[in-house]
Every structure is written in structure tokens, then in C-alpha cells.
Amino acid sequence: MGKLRPREQDWPKVTPCPSRIPGKPAAPQGGGASRLTGRGEPRAPRSDGAGGRQPGTAEAQGAANGKPRAGPGTSASGKGRGLRGGGAENRLQLGASGSCAGSRRLRSCPVQTMDPEVSVLLQCPPGGLPEEQVRAELSPDHDRRPLPGGDEAIAAIWESRLQAQPWLFDAPKFRLHSATLAPTGSQGPRLLLRLGLTSYRDFLGTNWASSAAWLRQQGATDWGDKQAYLADPLGVGATLATADNFLVFLRRSRQVAEAPGLVDVPGGHPEPQAVCPGDSPLHKDLPGELVVHELFSSVLQEICDEVNVPLPTLSQPLLLGIACNETSAGRASAEFYVQCSLTSEQVKKFYTSGGAEAHESTGIIFVEIQRVQRLQETKLWAELCPSAKGAIFLYNQVQGSPA
């Protein structure tokens, strides 16, 4: 289970990491399970079941690097945490908080964020939700639907990718089907997540396939749900706040396949195999309580692996909501708020000393919290990955204080 400025004022403090030279990670040894590292391509499993995502590039400041929709895949550890779009049925009204409430198909109500790369599926109540306020329901009913005409196209895409990248290997992931946010004052957990199981192979064959847009249209037609045919592996991400009121970002390596050189927040994926070891865990082997714990603990492990700060310096995560990466066909990511007891200078020292995922990023960036509310107006916004944009939007709405 995952372990528990100078007047460049439109720019944050940036510390490139000399020891983090981009390079192709070693291919995983053996036939173990893969991890989608930071929301895309698989990485060899850790013995503790933890894993991560890819930030980073060596350059400290400069012009925006654009918004590539690169597929996962040129290194053994690619990232691409995503955020989900909505279905067509049971459209909901927004509550006072701006979130969808009181429905079994909460994913049918994405909220636009004034950025076409990202939308918001779920916005939690002010302050966010702790682990005990979230529960999960695992069921085969929440898996993706078989493709029209069969899944042979997925198998063909996978075989093609293996020929080009023989180090790739498949592994199970959680799939977000839908969610229900109970009204304020309700007894028991506020949020129910309906989860299925999917895989890295299915992700490549659906969300990252050239037919992804058609699959969404067909899903809406056939099932009243744009995501019905998509793998949609659920990612996690964190807005990490330091003791001296900075948020932490990472510059992704230029060697990664998805959004190389762009800026991201720490994140990755919760792992079914962390709850139930084995190549193919079944829904019945994944108790909801343990799945929720993996969801919350995995984001802490991602921070430890990517930023290299000690676990005891981190607070318990608060769930801010779920955002949708529209550049990967609406794949969902749960975004969290985590506080660190270290200052930005202390965090920088831990980061530059290297860590479990040092190769995945090439620089750490600190942005003053008071400036985050207006981050979309700065040059940095154009360099953010969609996953980071979703995280910041939810932070500003749920946790951040008005400018």
C-alpha cells in the first residue's frame, strides 16, 4: 500500500537541479506490473507498491513551451495524469459551491475553467474533504464498455507499441465511473466514488488512440456517457504548500513523452496492486475503505518520491475535487491539498539532493500563495500541464483565499 523574487514578478522562484540530468530511464527488468508515472507511461513497480509521475525540464525560465498532446511513450516512465469529461445523461444543476451535487452521475456535469485543456468534474466543499469523508464502491459495472465491434483495435495498438517500445508492460489501474457528493449536513461520508478497473494497455488503446474523439461521441450515442468506452485511469495530484506560503511545482524532463518540459504539480496514480498484490486483482478483492486509503496515501508517496521531502513533514491530504484533462479525452484526476512543515528553502535542499524519481524532473519552482489566485494571468500559466491547471483551479476555488 502506498506510504502513508526579483521583479520577474510574473515568474516564480526557480531552482534547476544540477544532479537531475534528463536521460532515458532504464527499462524495467522482468515482467512486473507497470505504474502510470504521474498521470501516462508505465514504470517498474517499487517493492512498497508506490509510484509516481513525471515533472521537469532543465531550463529555469523562458518562453512557453506550447501545449503538446503527446502520447505516453518514449521513456519507461511517462506521465499523463488526466481529468475526465462528462456524459450526456442526467445533467445536473450546480450547487452554491459550484459543484455538482445529489446525483449518481456526477461526472455528467463538467464545469469549464476558461481553459480548453481542463474542466472540473467535482468541486468539494470549502476546505476540502479528509479521508474519512470519502468512500469507494468497486464493481465490474463501473468498468469501461467493450468497444463497438470488439476490443481487437486495443490489442493491435498495444502490439504496435510493444514493437516500438519493448520495455512497456501492462498493469491494472482504477477507473472513475461516477461520483456522488452528498448535501451539506448529511450523515456519514460526503463523497462516494464509483470505481472500476482498467489498465495501461486499455488507456493507450482508448484515451490515447486516434479514435478517442469518435469513441466519446459513440459513447454518448450508445450509452448517454462520453466516457463509456474509455479506460480513464484515475490519477492523483497535489497542491503542496510550504511553511513559508509557497506552492511547489516541478519542471518535467524533456525526455518524457507527455508534455515534455512543461510545469506540473506532484502526482501520479493510486495502484490496485498496492491494495491487493498480484497481476490481476479482482473488484471483490479491493475493499472500498482500503481503496480510499490508497487514494489518499498515494498522493503523499508521490510527493515524497518526486520532491524528496520526508513523509513526516507532510499533513494529511484534503481532497479538493476532480478535474478533467481534455487533451487526453477527459481522463480524471483527484486533486489534493497537502501542507509541508518545511520552508521553501528546506524543500529545495531536499529536492536537489535527489530522490526516488530524480530523473523525472529537472527543476523545482515555488510560487507565492498570494499570487496563485491570479496565476492564469501570468506567463507561467501557458507552461502548465493540464493536470496542474486543474489542480490550481480547484485549489483557488476550495482552499485558496481570495486575492
Protein backbone atom coordinates (compact mmCIF):
# COMPACT_ATOMS: atom_id res chain seq x y z
CA MET A 1 0.00 0.00 0.00
CA GLY A 2 1.30 3.47 -0.71
CA LYS A 3 3.18 5.10 2.12
CA LEU A 4 1.40 6.59 4.47
CA ARG A 5 11.86 37.19 -6.45
CA PRO A 6 13.08 39.52 -8.17
CA ARG A 7 10.80 41.58 -10.31
CA GLU A 8 10.28 38.92 -12.66
CA GLN A 9 7.12 39.08 -10.66
CA ASP A 10 5.28 37.19 -13.29
CA TRP A 11 7.73 34.39 -12.59
CA PRO A 12 8.17 32.24 -9.51
CA LYS A 13 11.40 31.27 -7.80
CA VAL A 14 13.03 28.54 -9.87
CA THR A 15 15.80 26.19 -8.81
CA PRO A 16 17.19 23.94 -11.53
CA CYS A 17 18.60 20.69 -10.18
CA PRO A 18 22.14 20.02 -11.50
CA SER A 19 22.01 16.40 -10.39
CA ARG A 20 18.79 15.76 -12.34
CA ILE A 21 20.07 15.45 -15.86
CA PRO A 22 17.36 14.22 -18.20
CA GLY A 23 18.00 10.79 -19.57
CA LYS A 24 16.12 7.77 -20.68
CA PRO A 25 15.19 5.71 -17.62
CA ALA A 26 16.29 2.13 -17.60
CA ALA A 27 13.82 -0.34 -18.98
CA PRO A 28 12.04 -2.27 -16.24
CA GLN A 29 13.54 -5.65 -15.51
CA GLY A 30 11.38 -8.72 -15.53
CA GLY A 31 7.70 -8.82 -16.21
CA GLY A 32 6.31 -7.00 -13.21
CA ALA A 33 3.43 -4.59 -13.21
CA SER A 34 3.69 -1.13 -14.61
CA ARG A 35 2.77 2.16 -12.99
CA LEU A 36 1.49 5.13 -14.89
CA THR A 37 4.10 7.51 -13.67
CA GLY A 38 2.49 10.80 -12.98
CA ARG A 39 -0.51 10.53 -14.93
CA GLY A 40 0.98 8.26 -18.75
CA GLU A 41 3.51 5.65 -19.23
CA PRO A 42 4.43 2.64 -17.11
CA ARG A 43 7.30 2.34 -14.69
CA ALA A 44 8.69 -0.71 -12.97
CA PRO A 45 6.92 -1.39 -9.66
CA ARG A 46 8.52 -0.49 -6.35
CA SER A 47 8.69 -3.10 -3.64
CA ASP A 48 6.43 -0.96 -1.46
CA GLY A 49 3.85 -0.58 -4.20
CA ALA A 50 4.43 3.14 -4.52
CA GLY A 51 4.98 5.04 -7.69
CA GLY A 52 4.93 8.41 -9.30
CA ARG A 53 4.64 10.79 -12.15
CA GLN A 54 6.94 12.89 -14.27
CA PRO A 55 7.63 16.56 -13.86
CA GLY A 56 10.52 18.65 -15.12
CA THR A 57 12.81 20.37 -17.56
CA ALA A 58 16.29 21.85 -17.09
CA GLU A 59 15.51 25.37 -18.17
CA ALA A 60 14.67 27.72 -15.34
CA GLN A 61 12.73 30.47 -17.04
CA GLY A 62 11.79 31.23 -20.62
CA ALA A 63 9.08 31.29 -23.21
CA ALA A 64 6.15 28.94 -23.02
CA ASN A 65 6.83 25.51 -24.45
CA GLY A 66 3.43 25.15 -26.06
CA LYS A 67 0.77 22.57 -25.24
CA PRO A 68 1.69 19.32 -26.94
CA ARG A 69 -0.75 16.47 -26.86
CA ALA A 70 2.00 13.89 -26.85
CA GLY A 71 1.06 10.32 -26.25
CA PRO A 72 2.67 8.43 -23.43
CA GLY A 73 5.61 6.60 -24.54
CA THR A 74 9.22 7.32 -25.27
CA SER A 75 10.60 6.53 -21.86
CA ALA A 76 9.94 3.74 -19.42
CA SER A 77 8.41 6.23 -17.05
CA GLY A 78 5.97 8.57 -18.75
CA LYS A 79 3.37 10.79 -17.18
CA GLY A 80 0.00 11.91 -18.08
CA ARG A 81 -2.40 12.23 -15.25
CA GLY A 82 -5.72 13.21 -16.67
CA LEU A 83 -9.09 14.60 -15.97
CA ARG A 84 -12.45 13.38 -17.08
CA GLY A 85 -15.21 14.89 -19.18
CA GLY A 86 -18.90 14.35 -18.65
CA GLY A 87 -21.55 12.09 -20.07
CA ALA A 88 -24.78 13.12 -21.70
CA GLU A 89 -27.40 11.73 -19.34
CA ASN A 90 -28.82 13.11 -16.10
CA ARG A 91 -27.40 16.59 -16.45
CA LEU A 92 -27.21 18.30 -13.10
CA GLN A 93 -27.61 21.72 -11.62
CA LEU A 94 -24.65 23.34 -9.91
CA GLY A 95 -24.92 23.92 -6.20
CA ALA A 96 -23.93 27.12 -4.46
CA SER A 97 -20.34 25.91 -4.21
CA GLY A 98 -20.15 25.42 -7.96
CA SER A 99 -20.05 21.63 -7.68
CA CYS A 100 -22.50 19.04 -8.89
CA ALA A 101 -24.46 17.53 -6.04
CA GLY A 102 -27.11 14.99 -5.28
CA SER A 103 -26.73 12.75 -8.32
CA ARG A 104 -25.40 9.31 -9.10
CA ARG A 105 -23.83 10.59 -12.34
CA LEU A 106 -21.76 13.47 -11.11
CA ARG A 107 -19.36 13.09 -13.99
CA SER A 108 -22.12 14.28 -16.29
CA CYS A 109 -21.57 17.83 -15.09
CA PRO A 110 -18.13 19.13 -16.05
CA VAL A 111 -17.55 22.83 -15.33
CA GLN A 112 -15.40 24.81 -17.76
CA THR A 113 -12.41 26.67 -16.31
CA MET A 114 -11.80 29.27 -19.05
CA ASP A 115 -9.04 27.00 -20.34
CA PRO A 116 -9.98 24.46 -23.03
CA GLU A 117 -7.42 21.94 -21.77
CA VAL A 118 -9.18 21.30 -18.48
CA SER A 119 -12.63 21.12 -16.92
CA VAL A 120 -13.82 20.40 -13.40
CA LEU A 121 -15.95 17.36 -12.69
CA LEU A 122 -16.27 17.75 -8.92
CA GLN A 123 -15.58 20.64 -6.57
CA CYS A 124 -15.51 19.69 -2.89
CA PRO A 125 -16.91 21.92 -0.11
CA PRO A 126 -14.69 24.77 1.16
CA GLY A 127 -11.54 23.44 2.83
CA GLY A 128 -11.74 20.06 1.09
CA LEU A 129 -12.62 16.58 2.32
CA PRO A 130 -10.45 14.38 4.59
CA GLU A 131 -10.10 10.65 4.00
CA GLU A 132 -12.87 9.69 6.42
CA GLN A 133 -15.37 11.74 4.38
CA VAL A 134 -14.78 9.69 1.23
CA ARG A 135 -15.84 6.15 0.41
CA ALA A 136 -15.41 3.99 -2.68
CA GLU A 137 -17.52 1.34 -4.36
CA LEU A 138 -15.74 -1.16 -6.64
CA SER A 139 -17.82 -3.01 -9.22
CA PRO A 140 -17.45 -4.54 -12.70
CA ASP A 141 -20.43 -2.36 -13.61
CA HIS A 142 -18.06 0.61 -13.40
CA ASP A 143 -15.56 -0.73 -15.94
CA ARG A 144 -15.44 0.68 -19.46
CA ARG A 145 -17.74 -0.81 -22.06
CA PRO A 146 -16.31 -3.13 -24.75
CA LEU A 147 -15.63 -1.18 -27.93
CA PRO A 148 -18.20 -1.30 -30.72
CA GLY A 149 -17.19 -4.28 -32.81
CA GLY A 150 -14.88 -5.66 -30.11
CA ASP A 151 -11.57 -4.76 -28.46
CA GLU A 152 -9.28 -6.02 -31.24
CA ALA A 153 -8.28 -2.43 -32.00
CA ILE A 154 -6.92 -2.05 -28.46
CA ALA A 155 -4.87 -5.23 -28.82
CA ALA A 156 -3.50 -4.05 -32.17
CA ILE A 157 -2.42 -0.68 -30.75
CA TRP A 158 -0.74 -2.42 -27.80
CA GLU A 159 1.19 -4.81 -30.05
CA SER A 160 2.32 -1.91 -32.20
CA ARG A 161 3.55 -0.01 -29.15
CA LEU A 162 5.39 -3.07 -27.83
CA GLN A 163 7.26 -3.42 -31.11
CA ALA A 164 8.42 0.18 -30.87
CA GLN A 165 8.95 0.16 -27.09
CA PRO A 166 9.58 -3.41 -25.91
CA TRP A 167 10.13 -2.30 -22.30
CA LEU A 168 6.44 -1.40 -21.89
CA PHE A 169 4.31 -3.67 -19.75
CA ASP A 170 0.71 -3.66 -18.65
CA ALA A 171 -0.81 -3.20 -15.18
CA PRO A 172 -4.24 -2.57 -13.63
CA LYS A 173 -5.45 0.93 -12.70
CA PHE A 174 -8.55 2.28 -11.02
CA ARG A 175 -11.20 3.74 -13.32
CA LEU A 176 -13.52 6.53 -12.17
CA HIS A 177 -17.06 5.80 -13.35
CA SER A 178 -19.02 8.43 -11.41
CA ALA A 179 -19.30 10.16 -8.04
CA THR A 180 -21.94 11.45 -5.66
CA LEU A 181 -21.43 14.41 -3.34
CA ALA A 182 -23.99 14.39 -0.52
CA PRO A 183 -25.60 17.67 0.59
CA THR A 184 -24.10 19.62 3.48
CA GLY A 185 -25.27 18.26 6.83
CA SER A 186 -25.64 14.68 5.63
CA GLN A 187 -24.61 11.90 7.98
CA GLY A 188 -21.58 9.77 7.15
CA PRO A 189 -19.06 10.26 4.32
CA ARG A 190 -19.86 13.13 1.98
CA LEU A 191 -18.42 11.69 -1.22
CA LEU A 192 -18.96 8.33 -2.92
CA LEU A 193 -16.59 7.32 -5.72
CA ARG A 194 -17.78 4.57 -8.05
CA LEU A 195 -14.69 2.85 -9.36
CA GLY A 196 -13.99 0.11 -11.84
CA LEU A 197 -10.74 -1.42 -13.05
CA THR A 198 -8.85 -0.65 -16.22
CA SER A 199 -5.27 -1.00 -17.47
CA TYR A 200 -2.39 0.83 -19.09
CA ARG A 201 -2.95 -1.16 -22.28
CA ASP A 202 -6.57 -0.04 -22.47
CA PHE A 203 -5.51 3.55 -21.80
CA LEU A 204 -3.24 3.52 -24.85
CA GLY A 205 -5.97 1.91 -26.93
CA THR A 206 -8.73 4.36 -25.99
CA ASN A 207 -7.79 7.71 -24.38
CA TRP A 208 -4.59 7.99 -26.44
CA ALA A 209 -5.91 6.39 -29.62
CA SER A 210 -6.51 8.47 -32.73
CA SER A 211 -10.14 7.37 -32.45
CA ALA A 212 -10.61 8.88 -28.95
CA ALA A 213 -12.89 11.71 -30.11
CA TRP A 214 -15.05 9.25 -32.06
CA LEU A 215 -15.21 6.92 -29.06
CA ARG A 216 -16.52 9.77 -26.92
CA GLN A 217 -19.17 10.63 -29.48
CA GLN A 218 -20.16 6.99 -29.81
CA GLY A 219 -20.30 6.56 -26.04
CA ALA A 220 -22.70 9.48 -25.77
CA THR A 221 -24.86 7.98 -28.52
CA ASP A 222 -24.84 4.39 -27.29
CA TRP A 223 -24.83 4.84 -23.51
CA GLY A 224 -25.51 8.51 -22.79
CA ASP A 225 -21.93 8.73 -21.45
CA LYS A 226 -19.00 10.15 -23.43
CA GLN A 227 -16.53 8.16 -21.32
CA ALA A 228 -18.27 4.78 -21.62
CA TYR A 229 -15.68 3.30 -24.00
CA LEU A 230 -12.59 4.96 -22.47
CA ALA A 231 -10.13 3.44 -20.00
CA ASP A 232 -9.87 6.66 -17.96
CA PRO A 233 -7.28 5.60 -15.33
CA LEU A 234 -7.76 7.79 -12.26
CA GLY A 235 -4.79 9.99 -11.37
CA VAL A 236 -3.88 11.96 -8.25
CA GLY A 237 -2.16 15.32 -7.86
CA ALA A 238 -1.20 17.66 -5.03
CA THR A 239 -1.01 21.38 -4.45
CA LEU A 240 1.81 21.29 -1.91
CA ALA A 241 2.16 24.33 0.37
CA THR A 242 5.38 25.12 2.24
CA ALA A 243 5.61 26.58 5.74
CA ASP A 244 6.51 29.99 4.28
CA ASN A 245 3.47 30.08 2.00
CA PHE A 246 4.69 28.89 -1.39
CA LEU A 247 3.16 26.26 -3.64
CA VAL A 248 5.51 23.70 -5.17
CA PHE A 249 5.72 22.93 -8.90
CA LEU A 250 8.11 20.72 -10.86
CA ARG A 251 9.55 21.14 -14.34
CA ARG A 252 9.07 17.97 -16.37
CA SER A 253 12.02 16.40 -18.15
CA ARG A 254 12.24 16.91 -21.90
CA GLN A 255 12.76 13.18 -22.21
CA VAL A 256 9.21 12.29 -21.17
CA ALA A 257 6.61 11.59 -23.82
CA GLU A 258 3.69 13.60 -22.48
CA ALA A 259 4.06 17.38 -22.16
CA PRO A 260 7.88 17.37 -22.05
CA GLY A 261 9.40 20.46 -20.50
CA LEU A 262 6.15 21.75 -19.06
CA VAL A 263 5.38 22.51 -15.42
CA ASP A 264 3.33 20.19 -13.21
CA VAL A 265 2.39 19.56 -9.59
CA PRO A 266 3.47 16.33 -7.83
CA GLY A 267 1.19 13.45 -8.67
CA GLY A 268 0.69 10.01 -10.17
CA HIS A 269 -1.78 7.15 -9.78
CA PRO A 270 -3.22 5.08 -6.93
CA GLU A 271 -2.49 1.39 -7.53
CA PRO A 272 -4.89 -1.57 -7.24
CA GLN A 273 -1.85 -3.79 -6.67
CA ALA A 274 -0.98 -1.75 -3.58
CA VAL A 275 -4.31 -2.86 -2.09
CA CYS A 276 -4.24 -6.43 -3.42
CA PRO A 277 -0.88 -7.70 -4.74
CA GLY A 278 -0.99 -9.79 -7.88
CA ASP A 279 -1.12 -9.34 -11.62
CA SER A 280 -4.91 -9.14 -11.92
CA PRO A 281 -6.73 -8.07 -8.74
CA LEU A 282 -10.49 -8.53 -8.87
CA HIS A 283 -13.11 -5.99 -7.82
CA LYS A 284 -14.18 -8.21 -4.91
CA ASP A 285 -10.59 -8.23 -3.61
CA LEU A 286 -10.49 -4.44 -3.29
CA PRO A 287 -12.36 -3.24 -0.16
CA GLY A 288 -13.62 0.30 -0.56
CA GLU A 289 -12.02 1.52 2.68
CA LEU A 290 -8.58 0.29 1.62
CA VAL A 291 -9.01 1.76 -1.85
CA VAL A 292 -9.78 5.19 -0.37
CA HIS A 293 -6.72 4.87 1.86
CA GLU A 294 -4.59 4.06 -1.18
CA LEU A 295 -6.04 7.07 -2.98
CA PHE A 296 -5.04 9.42 -0.15
CA SER A 297 -1.73 7.77 0.76
CA SER A 298 -0.57 7.50 -2.86
CA VAL A 299 -0.53 11.27 -3.25
CA LEU A 300 1.76 11.54 -0.20
CA GLN A 301 4.06 8.92 -1.68
CA GLU A 302 4.17 10.80 -4.97
CA ILE A 303 5.28 13.94 -3.11
CA CYS A 304 7.98 12.02 -1.25
CA ASP A 305 9.25 10.36 -4.42
CA GLU A 306 9.17 13.44 -6.65
CA VAL A 307 10.07 16.26 -4.26
CA ASN A 308 12.15 14.07 -1.92
CA VAL A 309 10.75 15.53 1.31
CA PRO A 310 10.32 13.24 4.36
CA LEU A 311 6.85 11.80 4.86
CA PRO A 312 6.58 13.08 8.50
CA THR A 313 6.78 16.67 7.19
CA LEU A 314 3.51 16.28 5.28
CA SER A 315 -0.03 16.82 6.55
CA GLN A 316 -2.91 14.51 5.83
CA PRO A 317 -4.27 15.27 2.33
CA LEU A 318 -7.55 17.08 1.78
CA LEU A 319 -9.44 16.27 -1.41
CA LEU A 320 -10.22 19.44 -3.37
CA GLY A 321 -12.11 17.81 -6.22
CA ILE A 322 -11.74 16.02 -9.52
CA ALA A 323 -10.53 17.71 -12.70
CA CYS A 324 -10.61 16.53 -16.31
CA ASN A 325 -7.74 16.61 -18.81
CA GLU A 326 -9.40 17.33 -22.13
CA THR A 327 -6.14 16.73 -24.03
CA SER A 328 -6.35 13.04 -23.06
CA ALA A 329 -10.05 12.57 -23.81
CA GLY A 330 -11.33 13.69 -20.42
CA ARG A 331 -9.29 11.48 -18.09
CA ALA A 332 -9.93 12.19 -14.41
CA SER A 333 -7.54 13.20 -11.65
CA ALA A 334 -8.31 13.66 -7.96
CA GLU A 335 -6.60 16.84 -6.74
CA PHE A 336 -5.47 17.25 -3.13
CA TYR A 337 -4.13 19.94 -0.82
CA VAL A 338 -1.15 18.98 1.36
CA GLN A 339 0.82 21.17 3.76
CA CYS A 340 4.54 20.72 4.38
CA SER A 341 6.19 21.80 7.65
CA LEU A 342 9.37 22.78 5.77
CA THR A 343 10.16 26.18 4.26
CA SER A 344 10.72 26.58 0.53
CA GLU A 345 14.49 26.72 1.08
CA GLN A 346 14.40 23.49 3.06
CA VAL A 347 12.25 21.81 0.42
CA LYS A 348 14.71 22.96 -2.25
CA LYS A 349 17.61 21.36 -0.38
CA PHE A 350 15.81 18.03 -0.13
CA TYR A 351 14.87 18.19 -3.80
CA THR A 352 18.38 18.93 -5.04
CA SER A 353 19.80 16.01 -3.06
CA GLY A 354 17.91 13.63 -5.35
CA GLY A 355 15.21 11.08 -4.68
CA ALA A 356 13.39 8.01 -5.94
CA GLU A 357 12.21 9.84 -9.05
CA ALA A 358 15.03 12.34 -9.55
CA HIS A 359 15.20 11.59 -13.28
CA GLU A 360 11.62 12.70 -13.84
CA SER A 361 12.12 16.41 -13.25
CA THR A 362 14.87 18.94 -13.80
CA GLY A 363 13.80 21.89 -11.70
CA ILE A 364 11.63 22.92 -8.77
CA ILE A 365 9.50 26.08 -8.82
CA PHE A 366 7.98 27.98 -5.91
CA VAL A 367 5.03 30.32 -6.38
CA GLU A 368 3.82 32.57 -3.59
CA ILE A 369 0.37 31.51 -2.45
CA GLN A 370 -0.92 35.09 -2.63
CA ARG A 371 -0.10 35.10 -6.36
CA VAL A 372 -1.74 31.78 -7.18
CA GLN A 373 -5.23 33.30 -7.42
CA ARG A 374 -4.07 35.27 -10.48
CA LEU A 375 -1.73 32.66 -11.91
CA GLN A 376 -3.85 32.32 -15.04
CA GLU A 377 -2.90 35.91 -15.92
CA THR A 378 0.85 35.18 -15.87
CA LYS A 379 3.25 33.74 -18.43
CA LEU A 380 3.68 30.66 -16.29
CA TRP A 381 0.11 29.51 -16.97
CA ALA A 382 0.96 28.71 -20.60
CA GLU A 383 3.69 26.36 -19.37
CA LEU A 384 1.45 24.38 -17.01
CA CYS A 385 0.32 20.86 -17.88
CA PRO A 386 -3.46 20.39 -17.97
CA SER A 387 -3.16 18.38 -14.75
CA ALA A 388 -1.52 21.32 -12.99
CA LYS A 389 -4.13 23.73 -14.33
CA GLY A 390 -6.90 21.57 -12.89
CA ALA A 391 -5.13 21.38 -9.54
CA ILE A 392 -4.67 25.15 -9.34
CA PHE A 393 -8.24 25.89 -10.36
CA LEU A 394 -9.56 23.60 -7.63
CA TYR A 395 -7.10 24.97 -5.07
CA ASN A 396 -8.27 28.52 -5.75
CA GLN A 397 -11.93 27.56 -5.51
CA VAL A 398 -11.78 25.27 -2.48
CA GLN A 399 -8.68 26.03 -0.43
CA GLY A 400 -7.14 29.28 -1.59
CA SER A 401 -8.10 32.62 -0.10
CA PRO A 402 -9.24 35.45 -2.38
CA ALA A 403 -6.53 37.75 -3.64
